[in-house]
Amino acid sequence: MFSRVVLVSAFVVLGTAVPLRAHHGDAGRYDEEVITVSGTVVALQMVNPHTHIIFDVVENGKTVRWQAELGTPQHMI
């Protein structure tokens, strides 16, 4: 009986471990090239899990809305 409980517990732990890893699974899709832009901040969204800053940039006489993803609100404070 004890070995069955251990076996079932191991399957439960392993079954939930895979979805927990998936949060930052797409982190490699971001471009590593650093660019500098200047603009006017429209909004700062301090929400979990990431803070977003939305700003307008003038490019070739046309205003373009940009969005950047930052760290968690706890790290931004």
PDB file of N, CA and C in Angstrom:
ATOM      1  N   MET A   1       0.819  -1.200   0.000  1.00  0.00           N
ATOM      2  CA  MET A   1       0.000   0.000   0.000  1.00  0.00           C
ATOM      3  C   MET A   1       0.859   1.259   0.000  1.00  0.00           C
ATOM      4  N   PHE A   2       1.918   1.243   0.843  1.00  0.00           N
ATOM      5  CA  PHE A   2       2.799   2.405   0.941  1.00  0.00           C
ATOM      6  C   PHE A   2       3.473   2.713  -0.395  1.00  0.00           C
ATOM      7  N   SER A   3       3.935   1.679  -1.111  1.00  0.00           N
ATOM      8  CA  SER A   3       4.620   1.889  -2.388  1.00  0.00           C
ATOM      9  C   SER A   3       3.660   2.463  -3.444  1.00  0.00           C
ATOM     10  N   ARG A   4       2.400   2.092  -3.364  1.00  0.00           N
ATOM     11  CA  ARG A   4       1.407   2.621  -4.299  1.00  0.00           C
ATOM     12  C   ARG A   4       1.204   4.118  -4.060  1.00  0.00           C
ATOM     13  N   VAL A   5       1.165   4.532  -2.795  1.00  0.00           N
ATOM     14  CA  VAL A   5       1.008   5.951  -2.456  1.00  0.00           C
ATOM     15  C   VAL A   5       2.212   6.746  -2.952  1.00  0.00           C
ATOM     16  N   VAL A   6       3.405   6.194  -2.773  1.00  0.00           N
ATOM     17  CA  VAL A   6       4.627   6.855  -3.228  1.00  0.00           C
ATOM     18  C   VAL A   6       4.618   6.967  -4.747  1.00  0.00           C
ATOM     19  N   LEU A   7       4.238   5.925  -5.431  1.00  0.00           N
ATOM     20  CA  LEU A   7       4.202   5.921  -6.890  1.00  0.00           C
ATOM     21  C   LEU A   7       3.198   6.946  -7.417  1.00  0.00           C
ATOM     22  N   VAL A   8       2.009   6.975  -6.863  1.00  0.00           N
ATOM     23  CA  VAL A   8       0.994   7.940  -7.293  1.00  0.00           C
ATOM     24  C   VAL A   8       1.464   9.364  -7.002  1.00  0.00           C
ATOM     25  N   SER A   9       2.065   9.574  -5.847  1.00  0.00           N
ATOM     26  CA  SER A   9       2.577  10.907  -5.502  1.00  0.00           C
ATOM     27  C   SER A   9       3.660  11.355  -6.480  1.00  0.00           C
ATOM     28  N   ALA A  10       4.531  10.423  -6.869  1.00  0.00           N
ATOM     29  CA  ALA A  10       5.593  10.756  -7.832  1.00  0.00           C
ATOM     30  C   ALA A  10       4.997  11.159  -9.170  1.00  0.00           C
ATOM     31  N   PHE A  11       3.972  10.465  -9.636  1.00  0.00           N
ATOM     32  CA  PHE A  11       3.327  10.825 -10.901  1.00  0.00           C
ATOM     33  C   PHE A  11       2.657  12.198 -10.822  1.00  0.00           C
ATOM     34  N   VAL A  12       2.052  12.499  -9.699  1.00  0.00           N
ATOM     35  CA  VAL A  12       1.410  13.805  -9.525  1.00  0.00           C
ATOM     36  C   VAL A  12       2.451  14.915  -9.561  1.00  0.00           C
ATOM     37  N   VAL A  13       3.539  14.727  -8.849  1.00  0.00           N
ATOM     38  CA  VAL A  13       4.596  15.747  -8.820  1.00  0.00           C
ATOM     39  C   VAL A  13       5.202  15.936 -10.210  1.00  0.00           C
ATOM     40  N   LEU A  14       5.535  14.867 -10.888  1.00  0.00           N
ATOM     41  CA  LEU A  14       6.119  14.966 -12.223  1.00  0.00           C
ATOM     42  C   LEU A  14       5.127  15.531 -13.240  1.00  0.00           C
ATOM     43  N   GLY A  15       3.874  15.203 -13.092  1.00  0.00           N
ATOM     44  CA  GLY A  15       2.853  15.701 -14.013  1.00  0.00           C
ATOM     45  C   GLY A  15       2.621  17.197 -13.899  1.00  0.00           C
ATOM     46  N   THR A  16       2.799  17.740 -12.720  1.00  0.00           N
ATOM     47  CA  THR A  16       2.612  19.183 -12.545  1.00  0.00           C
ATOM     48  C   THR A  16       3.893  19.966 -12.767  1.00  0.00           C
ATOM     49  N   ALA A  17       5.042  19.332 -12.762  1.00  0.00           N
ATOM     50  CA  ALA A  17       6.318  20.032 -12.932  1.00  0.00           C
ATOM     51  C   ALA A  17       6.483  20.560 -14.348  1.00  0.00           C
ATOM     52  N   VAL A  18       6.022  19.848 -15.348  1.00  0.00           N
ATOM     53  CA  VAL A  18       6.194  20.283 -16.741  1.00  0.00           C
ATOM     54  C   VAL A  18       5.435  21.578 -17.030  1.00  0.00           C
ATOM     55  N   PRO A  19       4.170  21.738 -16.674  1.00  0.00           N
ATOM     56  CA  PRO A  19       3.494  23.002 -16.933  1.00  0.00           C
ATOM     57  C   PRO A  19       4.104  24.186 -16.176  1.00  0.00           C
ATOM     58  N   LEU A  20       4.672  23.956 -15.029  1.00  0.00           N
ATOM     59  CA  LEU A  20       5.267  25.047 -14.267  1.00  0.00           C
ATOM     60  C   LEU A  20       6.511  25.595 -14.947  1.00  0.00           C
ATOM     61  N   ARG A  21       7.224  24.808 -15.706  1.00  0.00           N
ATOM     62  CA  ARG A  21       8.412  25.251 -16.422  1.00  0.00           C
ATOM     63  C   ARG A  21       8.071  26.094 -17.634  1.00  0.00           C
ATOM     64  N   ALA A  22       6.884  26.012 -18.144  1.00  0.00           N
ATOM     65  CA  ALA A  22       6.538  26.560 -19.449  1.00  0.00           C
ATOM     66  C   ALA A  22       6.376  28.078 -19.481  1.00  0.00           C
ATOM     67  N   HIS A  23       6.359  28.761 -18.354  1.00  0.00           N
ATOM     68  CA  HIS A  23       6.080  30.197 -18.359  1.00  0.00           C
ATOM     69  C   HIS A  23       7.051  30.992 -19.235  1.00  0.00           C
ATOM     70  N   HIS A  24       8.340  30.757 -19.133  1.00  0.00           N
ATOM     71  CA  HIS A  24       9.314  31.503 -19.920  1.00  0.00           C
ATOM     72  C   HIS A  24       9.897  30.670 -21.053  1.00  0.00           C
ATOM     73  N   GLY A  25       9.142  29.728 -21.532  1.00  0.00           N
ATOM     74  CA  GLY A  25       9.612  28.870 -22.593  1.00  0.00           C
ATOM     75  C   GLY A  25       9.853  29.578 -23.908  1.00  0.00           C
ATOM     76  N   ASP A  26       9.257  30.753 -24.120  1.00  0.00           N
ATOM     77  CA  ASP A  26       9.432  31.468 -25.389  1.00  0.00           C
ATOM     78  C   ASP A  26      10.442  32.608 -25.268  1.00  0.00           C
ATOM     79  N   ALA A  27      11.261  32.624 -24.227  1.00  0.00           N
ATOM     80  CA  ALA A  27      12.187  33.724 -23.985  1.00  0.00           C
ATOM     81  C   ALA A  27      13.225  33.847 -25.103  1.00  0.00           C
ATOM     82  N   GLY A  28      13.529  32.793 -25.801  1.00  0.00           N
ATOM     83  CA  GLY A  28      14.510  32.847 -26.872  1.00  0.00           C
ATOM     84  C   GLY A  28      14.029  33.567 -28.119  1.00  0.00           C
ATOM     85  N   ARG A  29      12.767  33.913 -28.190  1.00  0.00           N
ATOM     86  CA  ARG A  29      12.244  34.566 -29.395  1.00  0.00           C
ATOM     87  C   ARG A  29      12.554  36.047 -29.440  1.00  0.00           C
ATOM     88  N   TYR A  30      13.014  36.620 -28.343  1.00  0.00           N
ATOM     89  CA  TYR A  30      13.294  38.045 -28.308  1.00  0.00           C
ATOM     90  C   TYR A  30      14.625  38.353 -28.971  1.00  0.00           C
ATOM     91  N   ASP A  31      14.674  39.476 -29.658  1.00  0.00           N
ATOM     92  CA  ASP A  31      15.881  39.919 -30.337  1.00  0.00           C
ATOM     93  C   ASP A  31      16.884  40.424 -29.310  1.00  0.00           C
ATOM     94  N   GLU A  32      18.109  39.975 -29.410  1.00  0.00           N
ATOM     95  CA  GLU A  32      19.143  40.367 -28.449  1.00  0.00           C
ATOM     96  C   GLU A  32      19.797  41.704 -28.817  1.00  0.00           C
ATOM     97  N   GLU A  33      19.498  42.244 -29.983  1.00  0.00           N
ATOM     98  CA  GLU A  33      20.096  43.509 -30.415  1.00  0.00           C
ATOM     99  C   GLU A  33      19.531  44.665 -29.584  1.00  0.00           C
ATOM    100  N   VAL A  34      20.411  45.511 -29.073  1.00  0.00           N
ATOM    101  CA  VAL A  34      19.990  46.659 -28.274  1.00  0.00           C
ATOM    102  C   VAL A  34      19.745  47.842 -29.199  1.00  0.00           C
ATOM    103  N   ILE A  35      18.578  48.485 -29.039  1.00  0.00           N
ATOM    104  CA  ILE A  35      18.259  49.679 -29.810  1.00  0.00           C
ATOM    105  C   ILE A  35      17.854  50.786 -28.840  1.00  0.00           C
ATOM    106  N   THR A  36      17.987  52.019 -29.282  1.00  0.00           N
ATOM    107  CA  THR A  36      17.592  53.164 -28.469  1.00  0.00           C
ATOM    108  C   THR A  36      16.507  53.932 -29.206  1.00  0.00           C
ATOM    109  N   VAL A  37      15.407  54.197 -28.534  1.00  0.00           N
ATOM    110  CA  VAL A  37      14.324  54.986 -29.103  1.00  0.00           C
ATOM    111  C   VAL A  37      13.937  56.066 -28.102  1.00  0.00           C
ATOM    112  N   SER A  38      13.439  57.172 -28.614  1.00  0.00           N
ATOM    113  CA  SER A  38      12.937  58.259 -27.763  1.00  0.00           C
ATOM    114  C   SER A  38      11.488  58.493 -28.104  1.00  0.00           C
ATOM    115  N   GLY A  39      10.689  58.725 -27.079  1.00  0.00           N
ATOM    116  CA  GLY A  39       9.276  58.937 -27.320  1.00  0.00           C
ATOM    117  C   GLY A  39       8.586  59.487 -26.099  1.00  0.00           C
ATOM    118  N   THR A  40       7.269  59.542 -26.192  1.00  0.00           N
ATOM    119  CA  THR A  40       6.419  60.037 -25.116  1.00  0.00           C
ATOM    120  C   THR A  40       5.701  58.867 -24.471  1.00  0.00           C
ATOM    121  N   VAL A  41       5.842  58.741 -23.146  1.00  0.00           N
ATOM    122  CA  VAL A  41       5.196  57.642 -22.422  1.00  0.00           C
ATOM    123  C   VAL A  41       3.686  57.872 -22.416  1.00  0.00           C
ATOM    124  N   VAL A  42       2.943  56.861 -22.840  1.00  0.00           N
ATOM    125  CA  VAL A  42       1.489  56.907 -22.874  1.00  0.00           C
ATOM    126  C   VAL A  42       0.910  56.226 -21.638  1.00  0.00           C
ATOM    127  N   ALA A  43       1.511  55.086 -21.248  1.00  0.00           N
ATOM    128  CA  ALA A  43       0.998  54.332 -20.100  1.00  0.00           C
ATOM    129  C   ALA A  43       2.106  53.486 -19.503  1.00  0.00           C
ATOM    130  N   LEU A  44       1.986  53.262 -18.209  1.00  0.00           N
ATOM    131  CA  LEU A  44       2.855  52.345 -17.485  1.00  0.00           C
ATOM    132  C   LEU A  44       1.939  51.386 -16.749  1.00  0.00           C
ATOM    133  N   GLN A  45       1.974  50.114 -17.145  1.00  0.00           N
ATOM    134  CA  GLN A  45       1.083  49.114 -16.572  1.00  0.00           C
ATOM    135  C   GLN A  45       1.874  48.228 -15.615  1.00  0.00           C
ATOM    136  N   MET A  46       1.683  48.454 -14.313  1.00  0.00           N
ATOM    137  CA  MET A  46       2.389  47.695 -13.283  1.00  0.00           C
ATOM    138  C   MET A  46       1.518  46.514 -12.864  1.00  0.00           C
ATOM    139  N   VAL A  47       1.485  45.473 -13.700  1.00  0.00           N
ATOM    140  CA  VAL A  47       0.672  44.294 -13.432  1.00  0.00           C
ATOM    141  C   VAL A  47       1.571  43.056 -13.451  1.00  0.00           C
ATOM    142  N   ASN A  48       1.178  42.035 -12.711  1.00  0.00           N
ATOM    143  CA  ASN A  48       1.930  40.781 -12.726  1.00  0.00           C
ATOM    144  C   ASN A  48       1.574  39.989 -13.963  1.00  0.00           C
ATOM    145  N   PRO A  49       2.444  39.234 -14.549  1.00  0.00           N
ATOM    146  CA  PRO A  49       3.782  38.960 -14.073  1.00  0.00           C
ATOM    147  C   PRO A  49       4.823  39.950 -14.588  1.00  0.00           C
ATOM    148  N   HIS A  50       4.494  40.826 -15.541  1.00  0.00           N
ATOM    149  CA  HIS A  50       5.473  41.751 -16.089  1.00  0.00           C
ATOM    150  C   HIS A  50       4.894  43.155 -16.194  1.00  0.00           C
ATOM    151  N   THR A  51       5.752  44.145 -16.017  1.00  0.00           N
ATOM    152  CA  THR A  51       5.368  45.535 -16.209  1.00  0.00           C
ATOM    153  C   THR A  51       5.504  45.868 -17.693  1.00  0.00           C
ATOM    154  N   HIS A  52       4.568  46.676 -18.212  1.00  0.00           N
ATOM    155  CA  HIS A  52       4.628  47.118 -19.605  1.00  0.00           C
ATOM    156  C   HIS A  52       4.674  48.641 -19.638  1.00  0.00           C
ATOM    157  N   ILE A  53       5.485  49.170 -20.535  1.00  0.00           N
ATOM    158  CA  ILE A  53       5.516  50.601 -20.762  1.00  0.00           C
ATOM    159  C   ILE A  53       5.115  50.820 -22.224  1.00  0.00           C
ATOM    160  N   ILE A  54       4.130  51.687 -22.425  1.00  0.00           N
ATOM    161  CA  ILE A  54       3.627  51.978 -23.762  1.00  0.00           C
ATOM    162  C   ILE A  54       4.015  53.415 -24.078  1.00  0.00           C
ATOM    163  N   PHE A  55       4.603  53.620 -25.250  1.00  0.00           N
ATOM    164  CA  PHE A  55       5.041  54.960 -25.605  1.00  0.00           C
ATOM    165  C   PHE A  55       4.910  55.190 -27.100  1.00  0.00           C
ATOM    166  N   ASP A  56       4.767  56.475 -27.475  1.00  0.00           N
ATOM    167  CA  ASP A  56       4.653  56.874 -28.876  1.00  0.00           C
ATOM    168  C   ASP A  56       5.999  57.396 -29.359  1.00  0.00           C
ATOM    169  N   VAL A  57       6.421  56.908 -30.520  1.00  0.00           N
ATOM    170  CA  VAL A  57       7.688  57.303 -31.132  1.00  0.00           C
ATOM    171  C   VAL A  57       7.374  57.883 -32.500  1.00  0.00           C
ATOM    172  N   VAL A  58       8.004  59.011 -32.836  1.00  0.00           N
ATOM    173  CA  VAL A  58       7.826  59.614 -34.155  1.00  0.00           C
ATOM    174  C   VAL A  58       8.897  59.038 -35.077  1.00  0.00           C
ATOM    175  N   GLU A  59       8.437  58.337 -36.120  1.00  0.00           N
ATOM    176  CA  GLU A  59       9.323  57.733 -37.117  1.00  0.00           C
ATOM    177  C   GLU A  59       8.929  58.249 -38.485  1.00  0.00           C
ATOM    178  N   ASN A  60       9.847  58.939 -39.150  1.00  0.00           N
ATOM    179  CA  ASN A  60       9.594  59.491 -40.496  1.00  0.00           C
ATOM    180  C   ASN A  60       8.333  60.343 -40.527  1.00  0.00           C
ATOM    181  N   GLY A  61       8.127  61.150 -39.486  1.00  0.00           N
ATOM    182  CA  GLY A  61       6.976  62.046 -39.426  1.00  0.00           C
ATOM    183  C   GLY A  61       5.672  61.386 -39.009  1.00  0.00           C
ATOM    184  N   LYS A  62       5.687  60.090 -38.745  1.00  0.00           N
ATOM    185  CA  LYS A  62       4.481  59.364 -38.367  1.00  0.00           C
ATOM    186  C   LYS A  62       4.638  58.831 -36.938  1.00  0.00           C
ATOM    187  N   THR A  63       3.601  58.956 -36.131  1.00  0.00           N
ATOM    188  CA  THR A  63       3.644  58.464 -34.755  1.00  0.00           C
ATOM    189  C   THR A  63       3.336  56.968 -34.730  1.00  0.00           C
ATOM    190  N   VAL A  64       4.241  56.230 -34.103  1.00  0.00           N
ATOM    191  CA  VAL A  64       4.103  54.773 -33.998  1.00  0.00           C
ATOM    192  C   VAL A  64       4.070  54.409 -32.522  1.00  0.00           C
ATOM    193  N   ARG A  65       3.139  53.561 -32.126  1.00  0.00           N
ATOM    194  CA  ARG A  65       3.017  53.133 -30.736  1.00  0.00           C
ATOM    195  C   ARG A  65       3.909  51.918 -30.493  1.00  0.00           C
ATOM    196  N   TRP A  66       4.763  52.027 -29.479  1.00  0.00           N
ATOM    197  CA  TRP A  66       5.670  50.956 -29.082  1.00  0.00           C
ATOM    198  C   TRP A  66       5.239  50.426 -27.719  1.00  0.00           C
ATOM    199  N   GLN A  67       5.635  49.183 -27.443  1.00  0.00           N
ATOM    200  CA  GLN A  67       5.396  48.593 -26.127  1.00  0.00           C
ATOM    201  C   GLN A  67       6.641  47.813 -25.734  1.00  0.00           C
ATOM    202  N   ALA A  68       7.062  47.985 -24.478  1.00  0.00           N
ATOM    203  CA  ALA A  68       8.216  47.248 -23.963  1.00  0.00           C
ATOM    204  C   ALA A  68       7.797  46.469 -22.732  1.00  0.00           C
ATOM    205  N   GLU A  69       8.336  45.281 -22.607  1.00  0.00           N
ATOM    206  CA  GLU A  69       8.061  44.434 -21.448  1.00  0.00           C
ATOM    207  C   GLU A  69       9.236  44.535 -20.494  1.00  0.00           C
ATOM    208  N   LEU A  70       8.943  44.813 -19.240  1.00  0.00           N
ATOM    209  CA  LEU A  70       9.963  44.983 -18.219  1.00  0.00           C
ATOM    210  C   LEU A  70       9.827  43.878 -17.171  1.00  0.00           C
ATOM    211  N   GLY A  71      10.521  44.023 -16.064  1.00  0.00           N
ATOM    212  CA  GLY A  71      10.462  43.032 -14.992  1.00  0.00           C
ATOM    213  C   GLY A  71       9.154  43.091 -14.229  1.00  0.00           C
ATOM    214  N   THR A  72       9.100  42.352 -13.145  1.00  0.00           N
ATOM    215  CA  THR A  72       7.905  42.328 -12.316  1.00  0.00           C
ATOM    216  C   THR A  72       7.732  43.674 -11.601  1.00  0.00           C
ATOM    217  N   PRO A  73       6.519  44.027 -11.213  1.00  0.00           N
ATOM    218  CA  PRO A  73       6.317  45.279 -10.486  1.00  0.00           C
ATOM    219  C   PRO A  73       7.141  45.344  -9.208  1.00  0.00           C
ATOM    220  N   GLN A  74       7.345  44.228  -8.543  1.00  0.00           N
ATOM    221  CA  GLN A  74       8.133  44.216  -7.310  1.00  0.00           C
ATOM    222  C   GLN A  74       9.581  44.617  -7.583  1.00  0.00           C
ATOM    223  N   HIS A  75      10.118  44.220  -8.738  1.00  0.00           N
ATOM    224  CA  HIS A  75      11.480  44.601  -9.087  1.00  0.00           C
ATOM    225  C   HIS A  75      11.574  46.038  -9.580  1.00  0.00           C
ATOM    226  N   MET A  76      10.487  46.582 -10.073  1.00  0.00           N
ATOM    227  CA  MET A  76      10.503  47.931 -10.634  1.00  0.00           C
ATOM    228  C   MET A  76      10.415  48.997  -9.535  1.00  0.00           C
ATOM    229  N   ILE A  77       9.929  48.637  -8.362  1.00  0.00           N
ATOM    230  CA  ILE A  77       9.717  49.636  -7.305  1.00  0.00           C
ATOM    231  C   ILE A  77      10.997  50.127  -6.764  1.00  0.00           C
TER     232      ILE A  77
END
